[in-house]
N, C-alpha and C. Protein backbone atom coordinates (compact mmCIF):
# COMPACT_ATOMS: atom_id res chain seq x y z
N UNK A 1 230.56 -5.85 104.94
CA UNK A 1 229.23 -6.17 105.39
C UNK A 1 228.70 -7.40 104.65
N UNK A 2 228.89 -7.45 103.33
CA UNK A 2 228.40 -8.60 102.57
C UNK A 2 229.16 -9.86 102.94
N UNK A 3 230.42 -9.72 103.33
CA UNK A 3 231.21 -10.88 103.71
C UNK A 3 230.64 -11.52 104.96
N UNK A 4 230.25 -10.73 105.93
CA UNK A 4 229.68 -11.26 107.16
C UNK A 4 228.35 -11.95 106.88
N UNK A 5 227.52 -11.39 106.01
CA UNK A 5 226.24 -11.99 105.67
C UNK A 5 226.47 -13.29 104.91
N UNK A 6 227.41 -13.30 103.95
CA UNK A 6 227.70 -14.51 103.19
C UNK A 6 228.27 -15.61 104.09
N UNK A 7 229.11 -15.24 105.06
CA UNK A 7 229.67 -16.21 105.98
C UNK A 7 228.57 -16.81 106.85
N UNK A 8 227.68 -15.98 107.35
CA UNK A 8 226.57 -16.45 108.18
C UNK A 8 225.67 -17.37 107.36
N UNK A 9 225.38 -17.02 106.13
CA UNK A 9 224.56 -17.84 105.24
C UNK A 9 225.23 -19.19 104.99
N UNK A 10 226.55 -19.18 104.76
CA UNK A 10 227.28 -20.43 104.51
C UNK A 10 227.27 -21.31 105.75
N UNK A 11 227.43 -20.72 106.93
CA UNK A 11 227.40 -21.49 108.17
C UNK A 11 226.02 -22.11 108.39
N UNK A 12 224.97 -21.34 108.15
CA UNK A 12 223.62 -21.84 108.31
C UNK A 12 223.33 -22.96 107.32
N UNK A 13 223.72 -22.78 106.07
CA UNK A 13 223.52 -23.80 105.05
C UNK A 13 224.26 -25.08 105.40
N UNK A 14 225.50 -24.96 105.89
CA UNK A 14 226.27 -26.13 106.28
C UNK A 14 225.61 -26.85 107.45
N UNK A 15 225.12 -26.10 108.43
CA UNK A 15 224.47 -26.71 109.59
C UNK A 15 223.21 -27.47 109.18
N UNK A 16 222.42 -26.90 108.28
CA UNK A 16 221.21 -27.56 107.80
C UNK A 16 221.57 -28.82 107.03
N UNK A 17 222.56 -28.73 106.14
CA UNK A 17 222.98 -29.89 105.35
C UNK A 17 223.51 -31.00 106.26
N UNK A 18 224.29 -30.65 107.26
CA UNK A 18 224.83 -31.66 108.18
C UNK A 18 223.71 -32.33 108.96
N UNK A 19 222.72 -31.57 109.39
CA UNK A 19 221.58 -32.13 110.11
C UNK A 19 220.80 -33.10 109.24
N UNK A 20 220.59 -32.74 107.99
CA UNK A 20 219.87 -33.62 107.06
C UNK A 20 220.65 -34.91 106.83
N UNK A 21 221.95 -34.82 106.64
CA UNK A 21 222.77 -36.01 106.41
C UNK A 21 222.74 -36.93 107.62
N UNK A 22 222.87 -36.38 108.82
CA UNK A 22 222.82 -37.19 110.04
C UNK A 22 221.44 -37.83 110.20
N UNK A 23 220.38 -37.08 109.93
CA UNK A 23 219.02 -37.62 110.01
C UNK A 23 218.81 -38.77 109.05
N UNK A 24 219.30 -38.65 107.84
CA UNK A 24 219.17 -39.73 106.84
C UNK A 24 219.98 -40.94 107.28
N UNK A 25 221.15 -40.73 107.83
CA UNK A 25 221.99 -41.85 108.29
C UNK A 25 221.31 -42.60 109.43
N UNK A 26 220.71 -41.88 110.35
CA UNK A 26 220.03 -42.53 111.47
C UNK A 26 218.79 -43.27 110.99
N UNK A 27 218.03 -42.65 110.10
CA UNK A 27 216.80 -43.28 109.60
C UNK A 27 217.09 -44.52 108.77
N UNK A 28 218.20 -44.56 108.07
CA UNK A 28 218.51 -45.69 107.21
C UNK A 28 219.28 -46.78 107.94
N UNK A 29 219.66 -46.56 109.20
CA UNK A 29 220.39 -47.58 109.97
C UNK A 29 219.47 -48.76 110.25
N UNK A 30 220.01 -49.97 110.28
CA UNK A 30 219.17 -51.13 110.58
C UNK A 30 218.61 -51.06 111.99
N UNK A 31 217.51 -51.76 112.23
CA UNK A 31 216.84 -51.70 113.52
C UNK A 31 217.75 -52.17 114.65
N UNK A 32 218.63 -53.13 114.38
CA UNK A 32 219.52 -53.62 115.43
C UNK A 32 220.51 -52.54 115.87
N UNK A 33 220.86 -51.63 114.96
CA UNK A 33 221.78 -50.55 115.32
C UNK A 33 221.08 -49.48 116.14
N UNK A 34 219.78 -49.31 115.93
CA UNK A 34 219.03 -48.29 116.66
C UNK A 34 218.67 -48.76 118.07
N UNK A 35 218.70 -50.03 118.32
CA UNK A 35 218.28 -50.58 119.59
C UNK A 35 217.17 -51.59 119.33
N UNK A 36 216.87 -52.37 120.34
CA UNK A 36 215.89 -53.43 120.14
C UNK A 36 214.47 -52.99 120.47
N UNK A 37 214.26 -51.73 120.72
CA UNK A 37 212.93 -51.25 121.08
C UNK A 37 212.01 -51.29 119.86
N UNK A 38 210.82 -51.80 120.06
CA UNK A 38 209.85 -51.89 118.98
C UNK A 38 208.62 -51.08 119.34
N UNK A 39 207.82 -50.78 118.34
CA UNK A 39 206.56 -50.08 118.57
C UNK A 39 205.55 -51.09 119.10
N UNK A 40 204.93 -50.76 120.21
CA UNK A 40 203.90 -51.62 120.79
C UNK A 40 202.55 -50.96 120.55
N UNK A 41 201.64 -51.72 119.93
CA UNK A 41 200.31 -51.21 119.60
C UNK A 41 199.26 -52.10 120.22
N UNK A 42 198.22 -51.47 120.78
CA UNK A 42 197.12 -52.23 121.34
C UNK A 42 195.83 -51.47 121.06
N UNK A 43 194.78 -52.22 120.67
CA UNK A 43 193.48 -51.62 120.38
C UNK A 43 192.49 -51.96 121.47
N UNK A 44 191.66 -50.98 121.82
CA UNK A 44 190.59 -51.16 122.79
C UNK A 44 189.28 -50.75 122.12
N UNK A 45 188.21 -51.50 122.36
CA UNK A 45 186.90 -51.22 121.77
C UNK A 45 185.99 -50.60 122.82
N UNK A 46 185.28 -49.51 122.45
CA UNK A 46 184.36 -48.83 123.36
C UNK A 46 183.09 -48.43 122.61
N UNK A 47 182.02 -48.20 123.36
CA UNK A 47 180.77 -47.72 122.76
C UNK A 47 180.78 -46.21 122.56
N UNK A 48 181.62 -45.52 123.32
CA UNK A 48 181.73 -44.06 123.18
C UNK A 48 183.20 -43.67 123.09
N UNK A 49 183.46 -42.45 122.69
CA UNK A 49 184.84 -41.98 122.53
C UNK A 49 185.51 -41.87 123.90
N UNK A 50 186.68 -42.47 124.03
CA UNK A 50 187.43 -42.45 125.28
C UNK A 50 188.81 -41.86 125.02
N UNK A 51 189.45 -41.40 126.09
CA UNK A 51 190.82 -40.89 126.00
C UNK A 51 191.77 -41.95 126.52
N UNK A 52 192.96 -41.98 125.96
CA UNK A 52 194.00 -42.90 126.41
C UNK A 52 195.12 -42.14 127.08
N UNK A 53 196.14 -42.86 127.53
CA UNK A 53 197.29 -42.25 128.19
C UNK A 53 198.24 -41.73 127.13
N UNK A 54 198.67 -40.50 127.29
CA UNK A 54 199.67 -39.92 126.40
C UNK A 54 200.78 -39.34 127.24
N UNK A 55 201.97 -39.90 127.09
CA UNK A 55 203.12 -39.43 127.85
C UNK A 55 204.13 -40.55 128.00
N UNK A 56 205.10 -40.36 128.89
CA UNK A 56 206.16 -41.34 129.09
C UNK A 56 205.67 -42.47 129.98
N UNK A 57 206.04 -43.69 129.60
CA UNK A 57 205.68 -44.89 130.35
C UNK A 57 206.96 -45.57 130.82
N UNK A 58 206.80 -46.68 131.54
CA UNK A 58 207.96 -47.44 132.02
C UNK A 58 208.81 -47.92 130.85
N UNK A 59 210.09 -48.02 131.07
CA UNK A 59 211.01 -48.53 130.05
C UNK A 59 211.43 -47.47 129.05
N UNK A 60 211.12 -46.22 129.30
CA UNK A 60 211.53 -45.15 128.40
C UNK A 60 210.66 -44.99 127.17
N UNK A 61 209.51 -45.64 127.13
CA UNK A 61 208.60 -45.52 126.00
C UNK A 61 207.79 -44.24 126.10
N UNK A 62 207.39 -43.73 124.94
CA UNK A 62 206.45 -42.61 124.90
C UNK A 62 205.18 -43.14 124.24
N UNK A 63 204.06 -42.99 124.91
CA UNK A 63 202.79 -43.53 124.42
C UNK A 63 201.89 -42.40 123.93
N UNK A 64 201.19 -42.66 122.84
CA UNK A 64 200.18 -41.75 122.33
C UNK A 64 198.99 -42.58 121.86
N UNK A 65 197.89 -41.93 121.56
CA UNK A 65 196.71 -42.68 121.17
C UNK A 65 195.96 -41.99 120.04
N UNK A 66 195.14 -42.80 119.35
CA UNK A 66 194.30 -42.31 118.27
C UNK A 66 192.90 -42.85 118.51
N UNK A 67 191.89 -42.01 118.37
CA UNK A 67 190.50 -42.46 118.46
C UNK A 67 189.97 -42.65 117.04
N UNK A 68 189.51 -43.86 116.75
CA UNK A 68 189.04 -44.19 115.40
C UNK A 68 187.55 -44.56 115.49
N UNK A 69 186.68 -43.83 114.79
CA UNK A 69 185.25 -44.18 114.83
C UNK A 69 184.96 -45.41 113.98
N UNK A 70 184.04 -46.25 114.46
CA UNK A 70 183.56 -47.39 113.67
C UNK A 70 182.23 -46.96 113.06
N UNK A 71 182.24 -46.73 111.75
CA UNK A 71 181.05 -46.24 111.05
C UNK A 71 180.32 -47.39 110.37
N UNK A 72 179.00 -47.31 110.41
CA UNK A 72 178.14 -48.24 109.68
C UNK A 72 177.36 -47.39 108.68
N UNK A 73 177.48 -47.73 107.38
CA UNK A 73 176.85 -46.93 106.33
C UNK A 73 175.78 -47.75 105.61
N UNK A 74 174.68 -47.10 105.28
CA UNK A 74 173.59 -47.70 104.52
C UNK A 74 173.22 -46.76 103.39
N UNK A 75 172.71 -47.34 102.29
CA UNK A 75 172.24 -46.54 101.17
C UNK A 75 170.75 -46.33 101.29
N UNK A 76 170.32 -45.06 101.26
CA UNK A 76 168.90 -44.72 101.30
C UNK A 76 168.66 -43.57 100.35
N UNK A 77 167.73 -43.76 99.45
CA UNK A 77 167.38 -42.70 98.51
C UNK A 77 168.54 -42.25 97.66
N UNK A 78 169.45 -43.16 97.32
CA UNK A 78 170.58 -42.80 96.48
C UNK A 78 171.71 -42.13 97.23
N UNK A 79 171.62 -42.05 98.56
CA UNK A 79 172.66 -41.41 99.39
C UNK A 79 173.19 -42.39 100.41
N UNK A 80 174.39 -42.21 100.80
CA UNK A 80 174.99 -43.00 101.86
C UNK A 80 174.77 -42.29 103.19
N UNK A 81 174.15 -42.99 104.12
CA UNK A 81 173.92 -42.43 105.46
C UNK A 81 174.77 -43.24 106.44
N UNK A 82 175.68 -42.56 107.11
CA UNK A 82 176.61 -43.23 108.00
C UNK A 82 176.37 -42.80 109.44
N UNK A 83 176.51 -43.75 110.36
CA UNK A 83 176.39 -43.48 111.79
C UNK A 83 177.56 -44.14 112.50
N UNK A 84 178.01 -43.49 113.56
CA UNK A 84 179.09 -44.05 114.38
C UNK A 84 178.46 -45.04 115.35
N UNK A 85 178.92 -46.29 115.30
CA UNK A 85 178.36 -47.35 116.14
C UNK A 85 179.33 -47.82 117.23
N UNK A 86 180.48 -47.20 117.33
CA UNK A 86 181.46 -47.56 118.34
C UNK A 86 182.78 -46.87 118.05
N UNK A 87 183.72 -47.06 118.97
CA UNK A 87 185.02 -46.41 118.83
C UNK A 87 186.14 -47.40 119.13
N UNK A 88 187.23 -47.25 118.41
CA UNK A 88 188.45 -47.99 118.68
C UNK A 88 189.49 -47.00 119.19
N UNK A 89 190.08 -47.31 120.33
CA UNK A 89 191.16 -46.51 120.89
C UNK A 89 192.44 -47.27 120.63
N UNK A 90 193.30 -46.73 119.77
CA UNK A 90 194.57 -47.38 119.41
C UNK A 90 195.70 -46.68 120.17
N UNK A 91 196.37 -47.44 121.03
CA UNK A 91 197.47 -46.92 121.84
C UNK A 91 198.78 -47.40 121.23
N UNK A 92 199.70 -46.48 121.00
CA UNK A 92 201.02 -46.82 120.45
C UNK A 92 202.10 -46.31 121.41
N UNK A 93 203.03 -47.19 121.72
CA UNK A 93 204.16 -46.82 122.58
C UNK A 93 205.44 -47.06 121.80
N UNK A 94 206.29 -46.04 121.73
CA UNK A 94 207.56 -46.12 121.01
C UNK A 94 208.71 -45.89 121.98
């Protein structure tokens, strides 16, 4: 019984170690070996929070977005009072 458990544990440990080694090899490969695809980023300015496209686009890219508030802060009575004065929608396609 212990032999079967030890064998299963060894197989699982080997599979995890092999996955980590392959992941490190892929991550450390030069960009030319991974392909010529680059991250494309574009910013859009809005007065209110907007949603962007998230999903697959032409050319095999996957696009996602981040909404970033533009805050304006002032000091009053020893405190910082901040208000959102606009939004930046940052779209990234990989």
